[in-house]
Amino acid sequence: MVFKFRRNLSDEMQELDVLFNESILPWEQEMEIYMEWIDGDHTWRALPPIVFSIYRGMGLNKDFSLSMANIFKILYLSVFIHELIHDDEEGQEYNQHMQFSILIGDYMFGRIMALLIDAEADMLLPLFADLICEINEGMVRRYKLGSSRSDYIASSRASLYKSAFLTAAYCAGKGTEEQNSFQQAGSNLGIAVEFLNHDQLKGEALTYLEASVSILMAEPQNSMNTFMGPIYREIQGLLSVPDKMAAV
């Protein structure tokens, strides 16, 4: 699915691509196969422009917003790579390719910490550590304990959006109560965006989207409406039309 809000940020996303390519050095060649596999992935397309938009909506400057979007992009790439790894019971041997996938996925997790320091956002390190733990726990519950697809989306995918909203609020100097509200808004939006990609869950997505709107758009905020308004309107439109019309 190609989102209009991503196309509307095409210049910013091109700048983000430059940052991303710089960030994955010196492993750029080794990463080519993973970049082919992830191209077109729903979360890969949706998450970076939403992260950039919530940071900008909070009044944070463009360069910092791009840096944070890049960090979340790399974080999702590491999640994507780790999800490619199966165990013996699923028929995959412990070969060199699997070992490299583990190593490069772990390297990406570590790279995030260095990039946070480079962006002078080291105060967010504990929040990112919590996020990585939540994602890993979600993987364990999904692949070892058999949790539902919807629960897995909430813990692995939606947690990325939730943390993006929380960290943006933190960097914008919001108080604890406001941070909690923005965190909930991000979680609800993340679930709505991710459920949109699953036919069996799409029917539940609008409820989460409306819950996010009621939190984030409760009071008129010019910058928030400017950056997040188009995202909410597009997702609402995609959830409010027949499936055959929603396909892009």
Protein backbone atom coordinates (compact mmCIF):
# COMPACT_ATOMS: atom_id res chain seq x y z
CA MET A 1 0.00 0.00 0.00
CA VAL A 2 1.33 3.42 -0.99
CA PHE A 3 0.22 6.10 1.45
CA LYS A 4 -0.48 9.63 0.23
CA PHE A 5 0.96 11.09 3.43
CA ARG A 6 4.26 9.42 2.58
CA ARG A 7 4.23 10.86 -0.92
CA ASN A 8 3.49 14.30 0.51
CA LEU A 9 6.71 13.99 2.51
CA SER A 10 8.76 12.74 -0.43
CA ASP A 11 11.54 15.33 0.02
CA GLU A 12 11.87 14.54 3.72
CA MET A 13 11.81 10.79 3.04
CA GLN A 14 14.62 11.21 0.51
CA GLU A 15 16.67 13.00 3.15
CA LEU A 16 15.82 10.16 5.52
CA ASP A 17 17.09 7.62 2.99
CA VAL A 18 20.45 9.41 2.93
CA LEU A 19 20.65 9.28 6.73
CA PHE A 20 19.67 5.63 6.73
CA ASN A 21 22.28 4.62 4.16
CA GLU A 22 24.96 6.41 6.16
CA SER A 23 23.79 4.67 9.33
CA ILE A 24 24.07 1.11 8.04
CA LEU A 25 27.68 1.49 6.92
CA PRO A 26 29.90 -0.54 6.76
CA TRP A 27 27.29 -3.29 6.14
CA GLU A 28 25.57 -1.72 3.11
CA GLN A 29 26.44 -4.51 0.66
CA GLU A 30 25.59 -7.28 3.11
CA MET A 31 22.24 -5.56 3.76
CA GLU A 32 21.14 -5.58 0.12
CA ILE A 33 19.22 -8.86 0.36
CA TYR A 34 17.31 -7.68 3.43
CA MET A 35 16.49 -4.39 1.71
CA GLU A 36 15.02 -6.34 -1.20
CA TRP A 37 12.91 -8.42 1.16
CA ILE A 38 11.64 -5.47 3.20
CA ASP A 39 10.83 -3.26 0.21
CA GLY A 40 7.05 -2.86 0.08
CA ASP A 41 6.56 -4.03 3.67
CA HIS A 42 3.55 -2.26 5.22
CA THR A 43 5.25 -1.12 8.44
CA TRP A 44 8.41 -0.16 6.57
CA ARG A 45 6.35 2.27 4.48
CA ALA A 46 4.11 3.65 7.22
CA LEU A 47 6.31 4.00 10.31
CA PRO A 48 9.05 6.50 9.23
CA PRO A 49 6.71 9.26 7.93
CA ILE A 50 4.48 8.86 10.99
CA VAL A 51 7.48 9.16 13.34
CA PHE A 52 8.70 12.22 11.48
CA SER A 53 5.21 13.77 11.56
CA ILE A 54 4.58 13.28 15.28
CA TYR A 55 7.96 14.80 16.15
CA ARG A 56 7.27 17.76 13.89
CA GLY A 57 3.74 18.01 15.25
CA MET A 58 5.24 18.33 18.73
CA GLY A 59 7.17 21.36 17.50
CA LEU A 60 10.56 19.67 17.28
CA ASN A 61 12.91 20.76 14.50
CA LYS A 62 13.22 19.02 11.16
CA ASP A 63 16.76 17.66 11.55
CA PHE A 64 16.03 16.10 14.92
CA SER A 65 12.75 14.70 13.63
CA LEU A 66 14.58 13.08 10.71
CA SER A 67 17.18 11.62 13.07
CA MET A 68 14.47 10.04 15.21
CA ALA A 69 12.60 8.73 12.16
CA ASN A 70 15.87 7.15 11.05
CA ILE A 71 16.36 5.49 14.43
CA PHE A 72 12.87 3.99 14.38
CA LYS A 73 13.43 2.87 10.79
CA ILE A 74 16.59 1.03 11.78
CA LEU A 75 14.85 -0.44 14.81
CA TYR A 76 12.10 -1.86 12.62
CA LEU A 77 14.67 -3.25 10.19
CA SER A 78 16.29 -5.14 13.07
CA VAL A 79 12.89 -6.50 14.08
CA PHE A 80 12.18 -7.53 10.49
CA ILE A 81 15.52 -9.37 10.23
CA HIS A 82 15.00 -11.18 13.51
CA GLU A 83 11.53 -12.27 12.38
CA LEU A 84 13.14 -14.02 9.41
CA ILE A 85 14.97 -16.37 11.76
CA HIS A 86 13.24 -19.67 12.47
CA ASP A 87 14.24 -22.50 14.75
CA ASP A 88 14.96 -26.17 13.96
CA GLU A 89 11.34 -27.18 14.54
CA GLU A 90 10.33 -24.88 11.68
CA GLY A 91 12.84 -26.50 9.37
CA GLN A 92 15.75 -24.09 9.32
CA GLU A 93 19.25 -25.30 10.03
CA TYR A 94 21.79 -23.30 11.96
CA ASN A 95 23.72 -22.27 8.88
CA GLN A 96 25.96 -19.30 8.20
CA HIS A 97 23.13 -17.23 6.73
CA MET A 98 21.07 -17.66 9.88
CA GLN A 99 24.07 -16.76 12.04
CA PHE A 100 24.66 -13.62 10.01
CA SER A 101 20.98 -12.65 10.32
CA ILE A 102 21.25 -12.90 14.09
CA LEU A 103 24.46 -10.88 14.15
CA ILE A 104 23.26 -8.13 11.79
CA GLY A 105 19.95 -7.85 13.63
CA ASP A 106 21.77 -7.49 16.93
CA TYR A 107 24.17 -5.00 15.35
CA MET A 108 21.21 -2.85 14.30
CA PHE A 109 19.87 -2.86 17.85
CA GLY A 110 23.27 -1.67 19.09
CA ARG A 111 23.52 0.92 16.34
CA ILE A 112 20.35 2.53 17.63
CA MET A 113 22.00 3.33 20.95
CA ALA A 114 24.94 5.03 19.22
CA LEU A 115 22.61 7.05 17.00
CA LEU A 116 20.63 8.27 20.01
CA ILE A 117 23.85 9.60 21.50
CA ASP A 118 24.81 11.22 18.18
CA ALA A 119 21.40 12.94 18.10
CA GLU A 120 21.92 14.17 21.68
CA ALA A 121 18.92 12.09 22.68
CA ASP A 122 20.71 9.81 25.13
CA MET A 123 18.01 10.64 27.73
CA LEU A 124 15.79 8.34 25.64
CA LEU A 125 18.03 5.29 26.10
CA PRO A 126 15.93 3.80 28.95
CA LEU A 127 12.75 4.21 26.89
CA PHE A 128 14.32 2.45 23.91
CA ALA A 129 15.63 -0.32 26.14
CA ASP A 130 12.07 -0.85 27.39
CA LEU A 131 10.78 -0.85 23.81
CA ILE A 132 13.28 -3.47 22.66
CA CYS A 133 12.36 -5.66 25.64
CA GLU A 134 8.66 -5.32 24.79
CA ILE A 135 9.27 -6.27 21.16
CA ASN A 136 11.35 -9.31 22.11
CA GLU A 137 8.79 -10.44 24.67
CA GLY A 138 6.13 -10.14 21.95
CA MET A 139 8.18 -12.37 19.66
CA VAL A 140 8.53 -14.99 22.38
CA ARG A 141 4.80 -14.96 23.09
CA ARG A 142 3.98 -15.21 19.38
CA TYR A 143 6.44 -17.86 18.24
CA LYS A 144 6.87 -19.89 21.42
CA LEU A 145 3.67 -19.40 23.39
CA GLY A 146 1.23 -19.08 20.51
CA SER A 147 -0.29 -15.67 21.25
CA SER A 148 -2.85 -14.32 18.77
CA ARG A 149 -1.93 -12.29 15.72
CA SER A 150 -3.70 -9.23 17.13
CA ASP A 151 -1.80 -9.47 20.43
CA TYR A 152 1.47 -9.80 18.54
CA ILE A 153 0.72 -6.73 16.43
CA ALA A 154 -0.03 -4.74 19.59
CA SER A 155 3.25 -5.76 21.25
CA SER A 156 5.61 -5.74 18.27
CA ARG A 157 4.30 -3.33 15.66
CA ALA A 158 2.07 -0.94 17.60
CA SER A 159 4.68 -0.60 20.34
CA LEU A 160 6.91 1.18 17.80
CA TYR A 161 4.27 3.85 17.19
CA LYS A 162 3.50 4.04 20.90
CA SER A 163 7.15 4.68 21.71
CA ALA A 164 7.47 7.23 18.90
CA PHE A 165 4.64 9.29 20.39
CA LEU A 166 5.98 8.89 23.93
CA THR A 167 9.55 9.89 23.05
CA ALA A 168 8.31 12.84 20.98
CA ALA A 169 6.25 14.08 23.92
CA TYR A 170 9.22 13.59 26.25
CA CYS A 171 11.55 15.55 23.95
CA ALA A 172 8.94 18.29 23.64
CA GLY A 173 8.96 18.73 27.41
CA LYS A 174 5.46 17.42 28.06
CA GLY A 175 4.54 16.40 31.60
CA THR A 176 4.01 12.81 32.72
CA GLU A 177 0.24 12.90 32.27
CA GLU A 178 0.53 14.28 28.75
CA GLN A 179 3.25 11.76 27.90
CA ASN A 180 0.91 8.95 28.94
CA SER A 181 -1.87 10.39 26.79
CA PHE A 182 0.35 10.70 23.73
CA GLN A 183 1.68 7.19 24.34
CA GLN A 184 -1.87 5.83 24.30
CA ALA A 185 -2.67 7.83 21.16
CA GLY A 186 0.37 6.32 19.44
CA SER A 187 -0.55 2.80 20.48
CA ASN A 188 -4.09 3.18 19.15
CA LEU A 189 -2.89 4.70 15.88
CA GLY A 190 -0.31 1.95 15.49
CA ILE A 191 -2.90 -0.77 15.97
CA ALA A 192 -5.21 0.93 13.45
CA VAL A 193 -2.44 1.29 10.85
CA GLU A 194 -1.27 -2.30 11.30
CA PHE A 195 -4.77 -3.81 11.41
CA LEU A 196 -5.40 -2.03 8.10
CA ASN A 197 -2.94 -4.49 6.54
CA HIS A 198 -4.82 -7.59 7.74
CA ASP A 199 -8.21 -8.35 6.23
CA GLN A 200 -9.34 -10.34 9.25
CA LEU A 201 -8.52 -7.47 11.63
CA LYS A 202 -9.40 -4.45 9.49
CA GLY A 203 -12.94 -4.29 10.89
CA GLU A 204 -11.55 -3.50 14.34
CA ALA A 205 -9.15 -0.79 13.19
CA LEU A 206 -11.55 2.16 13.03
CA THR A 207 -12.31 1.94 16.75
CA TYR A 208 -8.60 2.29 17.56
CA LEU A 209 -8.18 5.13 15.08
CA GLU A 210 -11.07 7.08 16.59
CA ALA A 211 -9.62 6.54 20.07
CA SER A 212 -6.29 7.98 18.90
CA VAL A 213 -7.98 10.97 17.26
CA SER A 214 -9.95 11.73 20.43
CA ILE A 215 -6.71 11.92 22.41
CA LEU A 216 -4.38 13.67 19.99
CA MET A 217 -6.83 16.08 18.43
CA ALA A 218 -8.76 16.94 21.62
CA GLU A 219 -7.52 20.52 21.47
CA PRO A 220 -6.75 22.57 18.35
CA GLN A 221 -3.00 22.58 17.77
CA ASN A 222 -1.89 24.10 14.48
CA SER A 223 1.36 22.18 14.16
CA MET A 224 -0.22 18.88 15.21
CA ASN A 225 -3.08 19.28 12.76
CA THR A 226 -0.65 20.27 10.02
CA PHE A 227 1.54 17.19 10.38
CA MET A 228 -0.76 14.51 11.82
CA GLY A 229 -4.10 15.60 10.35
CA PRO A 230 -3.41 14.22 6.84
CA ILE A 231 -2.40 10.86 8.31
CA TYR A 232 -5.56 10.50 10.36
CA ARG A 233 -7.78 11.59 7.48
CA GLU A 234 -6.19 9.16 5.03
CA ILE A 235 -6.35 6.17 7.36
CA GLN A 236 -9.95 7.00 8.22
CA GLY A 237 -10.77 7.17 4.52
CA LEU A 238 -9.13 3.81 3.86
CA LEU A 239 -11.13 2.24 6.68
CA SER A 240 -14.40 3.81 5.63
CA VAL A 241 -14.58 2.60 2.00
CA PRO A 242 -15.06 -0.88 0.54
CA ASP A 243 -11.96 -3.06 0.41
CA LYS A 244 -11.82 -2.96 -3.39
CA MET A 245 -11.66 0.84 -3.26
CA ALA A 246 -9.12 0.93 -0.43
CA ALA A 247 -6.53 -1.09 -2.35
CA VAL A 248 -3.76 1.02 -3.82
